[in-house]
Amino acid sequence: MRRTRVVVACIAASTLLASGCATTSAGTKGGDTFLFGIKTDPGLLDPAQAQTSTSYTAVSLAYDTLVSIDASGRVVPGLADTWKVRPSSVTFALHKGATCADGTAVTPDTIAANVRYVTNPKNHSPAYGIILPPDMTATPDDAAGTVTLSTPHPFPFILQSTRYLFIVCGAGLKDRRLLAKGTSGSGPFQLTSAKPNQSYTYTRRNNYTWGVAGAPAADRPGKVVLQVLPNEGTMVNELLSHQLNGARLAGSDRARVTNVRGLTATDQQDGTHEFFFHEGPGHPGSDPAVRKALLAAVNLTDLGAVVTSGTGRPPTGLVTRPRPCRGDTVTGHLPGYAPRAAVQQLDAAGWTRPSPGAIRVKDGRKLTIRFIYPSSGGEAMAAAAEYLAHAWKQVGVDVRLRAVSDAAYFQVEDVEQDWDLNWSPLGVTLPSQLTGLISGPFTPDGNNFAHLRNKAYKRLTAKAATLPGAAGCPLWNKAETALFDNADMIPVVDKTQTVAAYGATFRISLGMFSPTTIRMTGGRR
């Protein structure tokens, strides 16, 4: 599993995280059980420990958040009916009558307890410092039915960040050990059966009347079943034979569900493929001239086609859609494909070839790039690594490839730091989530794993952080552009996935269901 910076699933990237928004539908006749395919077991079901796209899918059915995001990226009510935002605080007025699945009331103190848990570093929540700042406090007012989240300094997306704070209530709030394989939330469904590596069954709560607008309780399926199907080909077969109502597909098998009668298939962004040079002392990437020369030696468009098998889209930013800040920060800010210029730039930087075809040398040291990438990326990722290595070997670079498992990535990337180039999708949903990863303290003490020192980025984000929400977007966008201009990080291609449906309608965003929108329309029963 990737480190905690992978924010939403995809984290997985995958990237903490699946991304974009999809509303899918098919069929005309209802049923009572909605079957959705997932590729891996969600593991621990404590929402404060969620790190993968699959775990977010699982917890989103049973847990509410204070606010949600609609298909256009607009903030809409969740457990909170209304809110008042200030630069360093947000006050939520909670829905009256919201209850946990065990019947206990959801109160302002319930929200405060969740904030205290996440912001306690002893609990090692992946949301600590990413979703919620470490210095955030929560002040409940039970008499007024409000809770105020505050930070000592302005926090630019203080409202939007609560979209990813799943609220635990009732017995699970008192004893979180109950959340290992159970749920204790106020969401529209409750986990009633857990068979690890097989299936997870959720039952409808008929008294659920709050949260995101969607189908009335009576129109939602009586049960939602997440079926673990590690092989995507098998998942597609289940869709085509009408044994599943929905799935998210990222591999080549997804082509089989397009233009099939009775099935709908909607493409959405699934994070961004990007890589980083290590800019610490002694690494070739510490010289911006070398970074830019190496980029000029690569056709990034072709590289993106290789790693996505031709299903990707040109990248336009670092934040997964729907973005709080609009605009294209990438186009025109990365070196174009110019292998001859790359040769000249490397020569000018002092890396010369002792003979034609030889590896470049400077001060008696060979130009070697140790390239790590996630083995979980499969054949496409391996092919992209080979493509990149081949392009650089043509200009005299010794490239050493190393596929690393998700479990070992933290050790290699942050502790050993035995790399010069790192293919590391981040999967962030707010621009503020990047700052600690790109401009904060270096690893292993901090999270700045590439040891970046972009002064313009640091200056622009510091100013943007003082402005609420969209008011700071021009500065956040300029900060991203500063990274690309300096070749500090290289977005290659936006990944896509296909959300397929049969006999049902539903909306899923950033790997998370909007569970009140699930409705059976026909087909498998």
Protein backbone atom coordinates (compact mmCIF):
# COMPACT_ATOMS: atom_id res chain seq x y z
CA MET A 1 0.00 0.00 0.00
CA ARG A 2 1.35 3.41 -0.90
CA ARG A 3 2.18 5.95 1.77
CA THR A 4 -0.45 8.24 3.19
CA ARG A 5 0.06 11.05 0.71
CA VAL A 6 -2.16 9.17 -1.70
CA VAL A 7 -5.30 10.93 -0.70
CA VAL A 8 -8.19 9.36 -2.32
CA ALA A 9 -7.87 6.18 -3.29
CA CYS A 10 -6.09 6.08 -5.70
CA ILE A 11 -4.04 6.37 -3.32
CA ALA A 12 -3.72 4.59 -5.22
CA ALA A 13 -3.32 6.45 -6.15
CA SER A 14 -4.04 3.65 -7.92
CA THR A 15 -3.73 6.74 -6.21
CA LEU A 16 -5.37 7.01 -2.91
CA LEU A 17 -7.73 7.21 -5.29
CA ALA A 18 -10.49 6.79 -8.53
CA SER A 19 -11.36 10.17 -9.76
CA GLY A 20 -13.70 12.36 -11.65
CA CYS A 21 -17.43 11.90 -11.48
CA ALA A 22 -19.69 9.51 -13.30
CA THR A 23 -23.42 9.04 -13.36
CA THR A 24 -24.35 5.83 -15.16
CA SER A 25 -27.59 4.11 -16.02
CA ALA A 26 -29.02 1.20 -17.91
CA GLY A 27 -32.21 -0.85 -18.13
CA THR A 28 -35.81 -0.10 -17.29
CA LYS A 29 -36.93 -2.47 -14.52
CA GLY A 30 -35.96 -2.49 -10.84
CA GLY A 31 -34.57 -5.13 -8.49
CA ASP A 32 -33.61 -5.27 -4.83
CA THR A 33 -29.88 -6.06 -4.77
CA PHE A 34 -27.17 -3.92 -6.35
CA LEU A 35 -23.95 -5.85 -7.10
CA PHE A 36 -20.76 -3.86 -7.65
CA GLY A 37 -17.39 -5.39 -8.54
CA ILE A 38 -14.22 -4.35 -6.68
CA LYS A 39 -10.71 -5.53 -7.59
CA THR A 40 -9.26 -5.90 -4.09
CA ASP A 41 -10.46 -6.49 -0.55
CA PRO A 42 -11.03 -3.15 1.23
CA GLY A 43 -9.22 -4.37 4.35
CA LEU A 44 -9.67 -2.39 7.56
CA LEU A 45 -13.03 -0.63 7.46
CA ASP A 46 -12.22 2.18 9.91
CA PRO A 47 -12.81 5.24 7.68
CA ALA A 48 -10.10 7.23 9.47
CA GLN A 49 -7.61 4.64 8.19
CA ALA A 50 -8.87 4.51 4.59
CA GLN A 51 -5.99 4.67 2.10
CA THR A 52 -7.09 2.92 -1.07
CA SER A 53 -9.73 3.53 -3.67
CA THR A 54 -11.46 0.30 -2.67
CA SER A 55 -11.57 1.19 1.02
CA TYR A 56 -13.13 4.54 0.13
CA THR A 57 -15.74 2.74 -1.95
CA ALA A 58 -16.59 0.49 1.00
CA VAL A 59 -16.85 3.17 3.69
CA SER A 60 -18.78 5.62 1.52
CA LEU A 61 -21.86 3.39 1.67
CA ALA A 62 -22.12 3.43 5.47
CA TYR A 63 -20.66 6.77 6.54
CA ASP A 64 -21.76 10.34 6.00
CA THR A 65 -19.54 13.37 5.57
CA LEU A 66 -20.39 16.94 6.55
CA VAL A 67 -20.64 18.03 2.92
CA SER A 68 -20.44 16.36 -0.45
CA ILE A 69 -19.57 17.32 -4.02
CA ASP A 70 -22.04 17.13 -6.86
CA ALA A 71 -21.25 16.15 -10.45
CA SER A 72 -20.13 19.71 -11.29
CA GLY A 73 -17.80 19.99 -8.30
CA ARG A 74 -20.18 22.19 -6.28
CA VAL A 75 -20.26 21.70 -2.49
CA VAL A 76 -23.67 20.37 -1.35
CA PRO A 77 -25.09 19.41 2.05
CA GLY A 78 -24.28 16.14 3.79
CA LEU A 79 -24.68 15.84 7.57
CA ALA A 80 -24.55 19.63 7.59
CA ASP A 81 -27.48 21.55 6.15
CA THR A 82 -25.66 24.90 6.06
CA TRP A 83 -22.23 26.33 6.81
CA LYS A 84 -20.43 29.61 7.29
CA VAL A 85 -16.85 29.84 6.05
CA ARG A 86 -14.16 32.20 7.34
CA PRO A 87 -10.45 32.21 6.35
CA SER A 88 -9.46 30.03 9.31
CA SER A 89 -12.73 28.39 10.38
CA VAL A 90 -15.98 26.91 9.17
CA THR A 91 -19.15 26.52 11.24
CA PHE A 92 -21.56 23.75 10.30
CA ALA A 93 -25.23 23.62 11.26
CA LEU A 94 -26.02 19.92 11.50
CA HIS A 95 -29.16 18.26 10.21
CA LYS A 96 -31.63 17.73 13.05
CA GLY A 97 -32.63 14.12 13.51
CA ALA A 98 -29.63 12.43 11.88
CA THR A 99 -28.93 9.14 13.66
CA CYS A 100 -26.28 6.47 13.69
CA ALA A 101 -27.18 2.98 12.49
CA ASP A 102 -27.42 1.89 16.14
CA GLY A 103 -30.00 4.61 16.83
CA THR A 104 -27.81 7.10 18.67
CA ALA A 105 -28.02 10.74 17.65
CA VAL A 106 -25.33 12.43 15.57
CA THR A 107 -24.43 15.55 17.55
CA PRO A 108 -21.87 18.34 17.26
CA ASP A 109 -19.77 16.47 19.82
CA THR A 110 -19.80 13.45 17.49
CA ILE A 111 -18.16 15.56 14.80
CA ALA A 112 -15.65 17.02 17.26
CA ALA A 113 -14.65 13.55 18.44
CA ASN A 114 -13.88 12.51 14.85
CA VAL A 115 -11.73 15.59 14.31
CA ARG A 116 -9.84 14.95 17.54
CA TYR A 117 -9.17 11.36 16.50
CA VAL A 118 -7.78 12.24 13.07
CA THR A 119 -5.62 15.11 14.35
CA ASN A 120 -4.06 12.99 17.10
CA PRO A 121 -0.74 11.82 15.60
CA LYS A 122 -0.78 8.75 17.83
CA ASN A 123 -3.66 7.36 15.76
CA HIS A 124 -1.61 7.43 12.52
CA SER A 125 -4.58 8.38 10.36
CA PRO A 126 -3.73 8.87 6.67
CA ALA A 127 -5.97 11.95 6.82
CA TYR A 128 -3.66 13.60 9.37
CA GLY A 129 -2.03 16.64 7.81
CA ILE A 130 -3.60 15.91 4.41
CA ILE A 131 -7.37 16.03 4.82
CA LEU A 132 -7.25 17.87 8.15
CA PRO A 133 -4.36 20.09 9.29
CA PRO A 134 -2.58 18.83 12.43
CA ASP A 135 -3.51 22.00 14.29
CA MET A 136 -7.24 21.90 13.50
CA THR A 137 -9.58 22.04 16.49
CA ALA A 138 -13.31 21.39 16.74
CA THR A 139 -15.68 23.31 19.03
CA PRO A 140 -19.14 21.75 19.42
CA ASP A 141 -22.23 23.70 20.47
CA ASP A 142 -24.92 21.14 21.22
CA ALA A 143 -27.48 23.78 22.15
CA ALA A 144 -27.15 25.52 18.78
CA GLY A 145 -26.64 22.28 16.85
CA THR A 146 -23.38 23.56 15.35
CA VAL A 147 -19.73 22.61 15.30
CA THR A 148 -16.88 24.93 14.34
CA LEU A 149 -13.62 23.65 12.85
CA SER A 150 -10.75 26.11 13.28
CA THR A 151 -7.07 26.48 12.52
CA PRO A 152 -4.60 29.04 13.97
CA HIS A 153 -3.85 30.30 10.48
CA PRO A 154 -5.99 30.52 7.33
CA PHE A 155 -6.68 27.14 5.73
CA PRO A 156 -7.75 27.77 2.12
CA PHE A 157 -10.02 24.77 1.47
CA ILE A 158 -11.30 24.28 4.99
CA LEU A 159 -14.83 23.57 3.72
CA GLN A 160 -13.94 21.30 0.81
CA SER A 161 -11.57 19.17 2.88
CA THR A 162 -14.41 17.92 5.07
CA ARG A 163 -15.77 16.08 2.03
CA TYR A 164 -13.29 13.34 2.95
CA LEU A 165 -13.94 13.24 6.72
CA PHE A 166 -16.20 10.22 7.22
CA ILE A 167 -18.06 10.51 10.51
CA VAL A 168 -17.97 7.55 12.90
CA CYS A 169 -20.77 7.52 15.48
CA GLY A 170 -22.39 5.33 18.10
CA ALA A 171 -20.61 2.30 19.50
CA GLY A 172 -17.75 2.51 16.99
CA LEU A 173 -16.81 5.94 18.26
CA LYS A 174 -16.34 4.50 21.75
CA ASP A 175 -14.53 1.35 20.63
CA ARG A 176 -12.88 1.64 17.21
CA ARG A 177 -11.91 -2.03 17.32
CA LEU A 178 -15.48 -2.65 16.17
CA LEU A 179 -14.60 -0.96 12.87
CA ALA A 180 -12.05 -3.55 11.77
CA LYS A 181 -14.71 -5.56 9.94
CA GLY A 182 -17.90 -3.67 10.77
CA THR A 183 -19.45 -0.23 10.32
CA SER A 184 -20.78 2.33 12.80
CA GLY A 185 -21.95 5.23 10.70
CA SER A 186 -24.94 7.39 9.88
CA GLY A 187 -24.97 6.59 6.16
CA PRO A 188 -27.86 5.17 4.12
CA PHE A 189 -26.54 1.58 4.28
CA GLN A 190 -25.17 -0.59 7.09
CA LEU A 191 -22.70 -3.47 6.70
CA THR A 192 -24.47 -6.71 7.64
CA SER A 193 -22.12 -9.35 6.23
CA ALA A 194 -18.38 -9.34 5.66
CA LYS A 195 -16.59 -12.18 3.88
CA PRO A 196 -13.00 -10.99 3.35
CA ASN A 197 -11.71 -11.46 -0.20
CA GLN A 198 -15.21 -12.52 -1.28
CA SER A 199 -18.00 -10.03 -0.63
CA TYR A 200 -19.35 -7.29 1.63
CA THR A 201 -23.12 -6.90 1.98
CA TYR A 202 -24.79 -3.67 3.07
CA THR A 203 -28.47 -3.34 4.02
CA ARG A 204 -30.61 -0.27 3.40
CA ARG A 205 -31.55 1.97 6.33
CA ASN A 206 -35.20 2.79 5.72
CA ASN A 207 -35.17 5.72 8.17
CA TYR A 208 -32.36 7.58 6.39
CA THR A 209 -33.80 10.91 5.17
CA TRP A 210 -30.85 13.35 5.22
CA GLY A 211 -27.63 13.78 3.26
CA VAL A 212 -27.11 14.19 -0.48
CA ALA A 213 -30.27 14.39 -2.53
CA GLY A 214 -31.01 11.24 -4.48
CA ALA A 215 -33.57 8.49 -4.80
CA PRO A 216 -36.09 8.22 -1.92
CA ALA A 217 -35.27 5.45 0.55
CA ALA A 218 -37.99 3.21 -0.85
CA ASP A 219 -36.45 3.44 -4.34
CA ARG A 220 -32.94 2.46 -3.22
CA PRO A 221 -31.93 -1.19 -3.37
CA GLY A 222 -32.54 -3.22 -0.23
CA LYS A 223 -28.98 -4.50 -0.37
CA VAL A 224 -25.67 -3.40 -1.88
CA VAL A 225 -23.06 -6.12 -2.37
CA LEU A 226 -19.41 -5.38 -3.10
CA GLN A 227 -18.06 -8.47 -4.81
CA VAL A 228 -14.28 -8.97 -4.81
CA LEU A 229 -13.12 -9.91 -8.33
CA PRO A 230 -9.34 -9.43 -8.69
CA ASN A 231 -9.31 -10.24 -12.39
CA GLU A 232 -10.74 -7.43 -14.49
CA GLY A 233 -11.50 -9.82 -17.33
CA THR A 234 -13.72 -11.80 -14.97
CA MET A 235 -15.38 -8.59 -13.86
CA VAL A 236 -16.23 -7.71 -17.45
CA ASN A 237 -17.59 -11.22 -18.03
CA GLU A 238 -19.86 -10.76 -14.99
CA LEU A 239 -21.14 -7.48 -16.42
CA LEU A 240 -21.77 -8.94 -19.86
CA SER A 241 -23.62 -11.93 -18.36
CA HIS A 242 -25.66 -9.54 -16.18
CA GLN A 243 -24.28 -10.88 -12.88
CA LEU A 244 -23.03 -7.42 -11.87
CA ASN A 245 -24.74 -4.05 -11.91
CA GLY A 246 -21.61 -1.95 -11.90
CA ALA A 247 -17.82 -1.79 -11.86
CA ARG A 248 -14.89 0.55 -12.46
CA LEU A 249 -12.55 -0.68 -15.19
CA ALA A 250 -9.06 0.58 -15.98
CA GLY A 251 -7.49 -2.10 -18.16
CA SER A 252 -7.83 -3.07 -21.80
CA ASP A 253 -10.83 -5.31 -21.05
CA ARG A 254 -12.99 -2.25 -20.63
CA ALA A 255 -13.23 -1.98 -24.41
CA ARG A 256 -15.54 -5.00 -24.24
CA VAL A 257 -18.26 -3.08 -22.40
CA THR A 258 -18.50 -0.18 -24.83
CA ASN A 259 -21.32 -0.08 -27.35
CA VAL A 260 -23.00 -3.11 -25.76
CA ARG A 261 -26.77 -3.05 -25.70
CA GLY A 262 -28.13 -2.74 -22.17
CA LEU A 263 -24.79 -1.57 -20.74
CA THR A 264 -23.66 2.00 -20.23
CA ALA A 265 -19.99 2.93 -20.06
CA THR A 266 -18.79 6.37 -18.95
CA ASP A 267 -15.14 7.45 -18.93
CA GLN A 268 -13.74 9.61 -16.16
CA GLN A 269 -10.34 10.75 -14.93
CA ASP A 270 -8.49 8.31 -12.69
CA GLY A 271 -5.60 10.46 -11.48
CA THR A 272 -2.45 11.51 -13.32
CA HIS A 273 0.68 9.59 -14.22
CA GLU A 274 3.65 11.73 -13.18
CA PHE A 275 7.28 11.35 -12.20
CA PHE A 276 9.86 13.23 -10.15
CA PHE A 277 13.61 13.67 -10.20
CA HIS A 278 15.38 13.44 -6.85
CA GLU A 279 16.90 16.89 -6.40
CA GLY A 280 19.02 16.15 -3.36
CA PRO A 281 22.82 16.69 -3.41
CA GLY A 282 24.69 14.14 -5.52
CA HIS A 283 21.69 13.24 -7.68
CA PRO A 284 21.78 14.13 -11.41
CA GLY A 285 18.35 15.71 -11.04
CA SER A 286 19.71 18.36 -8.70
CA ASP A 287 20.75 20.29 -11.85
CA PRO A 288 17.73 21.84 -13.61
CA ALA A 289 19.66 21.85 -16.90
CA VAL A 290 19.94 18.05 -16.71
CA ARG A 291 16.26 17.66 -15.86
CA LYS A 292 15.17 19.77 -18.81
CA ALA A 293 17.60 18.05 -21.17
CA LEU A 294 16.32 14.61 -20.20
CA LEU A 295 12.74 15.71 -20.73
CA ALA A 296 13.58 17.06 -24.18
CA ALA A 297 14.84 13.59 -25.08
CA VAL A 298 11.42 12.01 -24.45
CA ASN A 299 8.22 12.18 -26.45
CA LEU A 300 5.86 12.61 -23.49
CA THR A 301 2.78 12.11 -25.66
CA ASP A 302 4.00 8.70 -26.79
CA LEU A 303 5.05 7.84 -23.25
CA GLY A 304 1.54 8.62 -22.02
CA ALA A 305 0.03 6.42 -24.71
CA VAL A 306 2.27 3.53 -23.65
CA VAL A 307 1.48 3.70 -19.93
CA THR A 308 -2.29 3.97 -20.53
CA SER A 309 -2.49 1.68 -23.57
CA GLY A 310 -3.80 4.62 -25.53
CA THR A 311 -6.70 5.42 -23.17
CA GLY A 312 -5.23 8.50 -21.45
CA ARG A 313 -5.84 12.19 -21.97
CA PRO A 314 -3.42 15.14 -22.07
CA PRO A 315 -2.78 16.37 -18.52
CA THR A 316 -3.99 19.84 -17.59
CA GLY A 317 -3.16 19.99 -13.87
CA LEU A 318 -2.15 18.13 -10.74
CA VAL A 319 -5.49 17.98 -8.96
CA THR A 320 -7.98 15.27 -9.80
CA ARG A 321 -11.27 16.36 -11.33
CA PRO A 322 -13.66 17.87 -10.39
CA ARG A 323 -11.15 20.54 -9.40
CA PRO A 324 -11.81 23.50 -7.14
CA CYS A 325 -9.54 25.56 -9.41
CA ARG A 326 -10.22 25.58 -13.15
CA GLY A 327 -7.69 26.10 -15.90
CA ASP A 328 -4.82 24.35 -17.71
CA THR A 329 -1.53 24.70 -15.82
CA VAL A 330 0.46 22.20 -17.89
CA THR A 331 0.21 23.03 -21.59
CA GLY A 332 3.21 25.02 -22.82
CA HIS A 333 5.19 24.59 -19.61
CA LEU A 334 7.10 21.37 -20.32
CA PRO A 335 9.98 20.98 -22.80
CA GLY A 336 8.95 19.80 -26.24
CA TYR A 337 10.38 16.67 -27.84
CA ALA A 338 13.79 17.70 -29.18
CA PRO A 339 16.42 14.91 -28.91
CA ARG A 340 19.13 16.91 -30.72
CA ALA A 341 18.65 19.82 -28.34
CA ALA A 342 18.79 17.34 -25.44
CA VAL A 343 22.25 16.20 -26.60
CA GLN A 344 23.48 19.78 -26.83
CA GLN A 345 22.05 20.65 -23.39
CA LEU A 346 23.73 17.68 -21.73
CA ASP A 347 27.03 18.63 -23.37
CA ALA A 348 26.64 22.18 -22.10
CA ALA A 349 25.90 20.89 -18.60
CA GLY A 350 29.28 19.15 -18.60
CA TRP A 351 28.07 15.60 -19.20
CA THR A 352 30.10 14.48 -22.20
CA ARG A 353 30.55 11.21 -24.08
CA PRO A 354 34.12 9.85 -24.11
CA SER A 355 33.23 8.05 -27.36
CA PRO A 356 30.19 7.70 -29.63
CA GLY A 357 27.52 5.55 -27.99
CA ALA A 358 29.22 5.64 -24.59
CA ILE A 359 27.61 6.65 -21.30
CA ARG A 360 28.09 10.31 -20.46
CA VAL A 361 30.61 11.24 -17.79
CA LYS A 362 31.22 14.31 -15.64
CA ASP A 363 34.10 14.64 -13.15
CA GLY A 364 34.77 10.94 -13.51
CA ARG A 365 31.17 9.94 -12.67
CA LYS A 366 28.78 8.28 -15.11
CA LEU A 367 25.36 9.81 -15.79
CA THR A 368 23.27 7.11 -14.11
CA ILE A 369 19.54 7.35 -13.41
CA ARG A 370 18.14 4.84 -10.89
CA PHE A 371 14.48 4.68 -11.86
CA ILE A 372 11.89 3.20 -9.46
CA TYR A 373 8.26 2.60 -10.37
CA PRO A 374 5.31 0.69 -8.83
CA SER A 375 5.14 -2.97 -9.81
CA SER A 376 1.36 -2.76 -9.26
CA GLY A 377 1.21 -0.79 -12.52
CA GLY A 378 1.50 -4.07 -14.40
CA GLU A 379 2.70 -4.58 -17.94
CA ALA A 380 1.76 -1.07 -19.10
CA MET A 381 3.86 0.55 -16.37
CA ALA A 382 6.80 -1.74 -17.11
CA ALA A 383 6.52 -0.90 -20.81
CA ALA A 384 6.52 2.83 -20.02
CA ALA A 385 9.64 2.43 -17.88
CA GLU A 386 11.38 0.60 -20.73
CA TYR A 387 10.28 3.28 -23.19
CA LEU A 388 11.71 6.04 -21.00
CA ALA A 389 14.94 4.12 -20.41
CA HIS A 390 15.40 3.53 -24.15
CA ALA A 391 14.93 7.23 -24.96
CA TRP A 392 17.55 8.25 -22.43
CA LYS A 393 20.03 5.58 -23.44
CA GLN A 394 19.99 7.13 -26.92
CA VAL A 395 21.44 10.34 -25.48
CA GLY A 396 24.03 8.62 -23.30
CA VAL A 397 22.30 7.90 -19.99
CA ASP A 398 22.75 4.71 -17.97
CA VAL A 399 19.23 3.89 -16.79
CA ARG A 400 18.67 1.24 -14.13
CA LEU A 401 15.05 0.14 -13.72
CA ARG A 402 13.60 -1.19 -10.50
CA ALA A 403 9.98 -2.23 -10.01
CA VAL A 404 8.96 -1.82 -6.35
CA SER A 405 5.94 -3.34 -4.63
CA ASP A 406 3.42 -1.03 -2.96
CA ALA A 407 4.35 -2.52 0.41
CA ALA A 408 8.05 -1.67 -0.06
CA TYR A 409 7.66 1.73 -1.71
CA PHE A 410 7.83 3.80 1.47
CA GLN A 411 11.06 2.09 2.55
CA VAL A 412 12.77 2.55 -0.81
CA GLU A 413 11.44 6.01 -1.58
CA ASP A 414 11.65 7.77 1.78
CA VAL A 415 13.97 5.79 4.03
CA GLU A 416 16.61 4.35 1.70
CA GLN A 417 16.10 7.11 -0.89
CA ASP A 418 17.85 4.83 -3.35
CA TRP A 419 16.56 6.44 -6.52
CA ASP A 420 17.10 9.30 -8.97
CA LEU A 421 13.75 9.18 -10.74
CA ASN A 422 10.45 8.13 -9.20
CA TRP A 423 7.18 7.41 -11.00
CA SER A 424 4.88 8.36 -8.14
CA PRO A 425 1.24 9.34 -8.81
CA LEU A 426 -0.05 11.51 -5.97
CA GLY A 427 -3.81 11.53 -6.40
CA VAL A 428 -4.65 14.79 -4.63
CA THR A 429 -8.08 16.39 -4.66
CA LEU A 430 -7.17 19.87 -3.39
CA PRO A 431 -4.10 21.95 -4.36
CA SER A 432 -3.31 22.60 -0.69
CA GLN A 433 -2.67 18.87 -0.21
CA LEU A 434 0.48 19.12 -2.31
CA THR A 435 2.38 21.68 -0.27
CA GLY A 436 3.86 19.36 2.34
CA LEU A 437 4.87 16.90 -0.36
CA ILE A 438 6.58 19.44 -2.59
CA SER A 439 7.83 22.27 -0.41
CA GLY A 440 7.94 20.97 3.15
CA PRO A 441 10.76 19.27 5.09
CA PHE A 442 12.70 16.59 3.24
CA THR A 443 12.28 12.89 3.91
CA PRO A 444 12.78 11.00 6.12
CA ASP A 445 11.93 13.83 8.56
CA GLY A 446 9.14 15.28 6.44
CA ASN A 447 7.09 14.33 3.35
CA ASN A 448 9.06 16.15 0.62
CA PHE A 449 10.29 12.88 -0.89
CA ALA A 450 11.88 14.45 -4.01
CA HIS A 451 13.72 17.13 -2.00
CA LEU A 452 12.24 19.93 -4.11
CA ARG A 453 13.28 23.53 -3.46
CA ASN A 454 11.06 25.58 -5.77
CA LYS A 455 11.10 29.09 -4.28
CA ALA A 456 8.37 30.41 -6.59
CA TYR A 457 6.05 27.54 -5.64
CA LYS A 458 6.68 28.11 -1.94
CA ARG A 459 6.07 31.86 -2.23
CA LEU A 460 2.90 31.53 -4.31
CA THR A 461 1.32 28.79 -2.18
CA ALA A 462 2.11 30.67 1.03
CA LYS A 463 0.13 33.63 -0.31
CA ALA A 464 -2.64 31.43 -1.73
CA ALA A 465 -3.06 29.74 1.65
CA THR A 466 -4.20 33.03 3.16
CA LEU A 467 -7.17 33.26 0.78
CA PRO A 468 -10.39 31.27 1.13
CA GLY A 469 -11.31 28.66 -1.49
CA ALA A 470 -11.56 29.85 -5.07
CA ALA A 471 -10.17 33.30 -4.23
CA GLY A 472 -6.69 31.80 -4.17
CA CYS A 473 -7.07 29.76 -7.38
CA PRO A 474 -5.02 32.09 -9.64
CA LEU A 475 -2.11 31.75 -7.21
CA TRP A 476 -2.51 27.98 -6.84
CA ASN A 477 -2.47 27.66 -10.63
CA LYS A 478 0.65 29.83 -10.96
CA ALA A 479 2.34 27.69 -8.32
CA GLU A 480 1.68 24.51 -10.31
CA THR A 481 3.05 26.15 -13.44
CA ALA A 482 6.22 27.11 -11.54
CA LEU A 483 6.82 23.41 -10.85
CA PHE A 484 6.57 22.51 -14.53
CA ASP A 485 8.67 25.45 -15.70
CA ASN A 486 11.47 24.20 -13.45
CA ALA A 487 10.95 20.52 -14.38
CA ASP A 488 10.41 19.67 -10.72
CA MET A 489 7.60 17.24 -11.48
CA ILE A 490 6.42 15.95 -14.80
CA PRO A 491 2.74 15.14 -15.44
CA VAL A 492 2.74 12.65 -18.31
CA VAL A 493 -0.88 11.77 -18.92
CA ASP A 494 -4.26 11.74 -17.21
CA LYS A 495 -5.36 8.19 -16.57
CA THR A 496 -8.96 7.29 -17.30
CA GLN A 497 -11.27 4.58 -16.14
CA THR A 498 -14.63 3.35 -17.37
CA VAL A 499 -17.59 3.18 -15.01
CA ALA A 500 -19.91 0.52 -16.40
CA ALA A 501 -23.50 -0.16 -15.35
CA TYR A 502 -26.22 -2.67 -16.09
CA GLY A 503 -29.75 -2.39 -14.73
CA ALA A 504 -28.94 0.43 -12.34
CA THR A 505 -28.15 4.11 -11.98
CA PHE A 506 -25.59 5.50 -9.56
CA ARG A 507 -22.99 8.21 -9.12
CA ILE A 508 -19.44 7.56 -8.00
CA SER A 509 -16.84 10.29 -7.54
CA LEU A 510 -13.21 9.97 -6.46
CA GLY A 511 -13.84 6.31 -5.73
CA MET A 512 -16.71 7.16 -3.38
CA PHE A 513 -20.35 6.38 -3.95
CA SER A 514 -23.03 8.97 -3.56
CA PRO A 515 -25.10 6.13 -2.09
CA THR A 516 -28.47 7.86 -2.16
CA THR A 517 -28.22 7.92 -5.97
CA ILE A 518 -28.10 4.11 -6.31
CA ARG A 519 -31.29 2.91 -7.92
CA MET A 520 -32.21 -0.32 -9.67
CA THR A 521 -33.75 0.09 -13.11
CA GLY A 522 -33.85 -3.42 -14.53
CA GLY A 523 -31.92 -6.54 -15.50
CA ARG A 524 -30.26 -8.90 -13.02
CA ARG A 525 -32.34 -9.61 -9.92
